[in-house]
Structures are given as structure tokens and as C-alpha cells.
Amino acid sequence: MMQLVLAALFTVLFFVWLILPLPGQVYLKLLGMLGSALGVTSMVLSYRAEEKNKK
């Protein structure tokens, strides 16, 4: 469940980051980094859950 929430947040932040037209702003870089971190965290949680299910 948590990985779905993180993936949804990642998707929203990614599209906001793509749509906002002001390049070079610090907050846009932070949005991009935050979105990437959420995406990676979601994938790690999914991987851990899959490994847990295998055992």
C-alpha cells in the first residue's frame, strides 16, 4: 500500500516538474529531486515486499 502512495506522489511531482515552465529555479530542482527520491523509494519497497513474498 505504501509503495502505491509513493508511486502516486512521484507521478504527480514528476508531471508538475515537467509542466512548470520556469527553468533554473531552485524549487523546480528540489521538486525533481524529491520526485526521483519518491520513485526510488517506491521501487525499493516493492522489491522488499516481493523478496518477502518469495520466502
Protein backbone atom coordinates (compact mmCIF):
# COMPACT_ATOMS: atom_id res chain seq x y z
CA MET A 1 0.00 0.00 0.00
CA MET A 2 2.80 2.41 0.92
CA GLN A 3 4.54 1.86 -2.41
CA LEU A 4 1.34 2.82 -4.23
CA VAL A 5 1.10 6.08 -2.30
CA LEU A 6 4.75 6.86 -3.01
CA ALA A 7 4.33 6.00 -6.68
CA ALA A 8 1.29 8.28 -6.94
CA LEU A 9 3.19 11.14 -5.29
CA PHE A 10 6.12 10.50 -7.62
CA THR A 11 3.84 10.68 -10.65
CA VAL A 12 2.20 13.92 -9.53
CA LEU A 13 5.51 15.58 -8.70
CA PHE A 14 7.06 14.40 -11.97
CA PHE A 15 4.28 15.88 -14.07
CA VAL A 16 4.29 19.14 -12.08
CA TRP A 17 8.05 19.30 -12.62
CA LEU A 18 7.60 18.76 -16.36
CA ILE A 19 4.73 21.24 -16.78
CA LEU A 20 6.11 24.22 -14.82
CA PRO A 21 7.80 26.47 -17.38
CA LEU A 22 10.39 28.24 -15.24
CA PRO A 23 13.74 26.51 -15.81
CA GLY A 24 16.60 27.14 -13.47
CA GLN A 25 14.52 27.82 -10.38
CA VAL A 26 15.77 26.17 -7.21
CA TYR A 27 12.34 24.90 -6.20
CA LEU A 28 11.95 23.09 -9.54
CA LYS A 29 15.23 21.29 -8.97
CA LEU A 30 14.07 20.35 -5.49
CA LEU A 31 10.75 19.07 -6.89
CA GLY A 32 12.65 16.94 -9.39
CA MET A 33 14.93 15.50 -6.71
CA LEU A 34 12.02 14.86 -4.35
CA GLY A 35 10.06 13.12 -7.10
CA SER A 36 13.04 10.96 -8.00
CA ALA A 37 13.58 10.03 -4.36
CA LEU A 38 9.92 9.02 -4.03
CA GLY A 39 10.16 6.90 -7.18
CA VAL A 40 13.27 5.11 -5.98
CA THR A 41 11.79 4.57 -2.51
CA SER A 42 8.65 3.11 -4.05
CA MET A 43 10.70 0.68 -6.15
CA VAL A 44 12.80 -0.36 -3.15
CA LEU A 45 9.68 -1.03 -1.07
CA SER A 46 8.17 -3.08 -3.90
CA TYR A 47 11.39 -5.09 -4.23
CA ARG A 48 11.50 -5.78 -0.49
CA ALA A 49 7.85 -6.87 -0.48
CA GLU A 50 8.48 -9.20 -3.41
CA GLU A 51 11.53 -10.73 -1.73
CA LYS A 52 9.50 -11.18 1.46
CA ASN A 53 6.75 -12.98 -0.51
CA LYS A 54 9.28 -15.37 -2.07
CA LYS A 55 10.34 -16.71 1.33
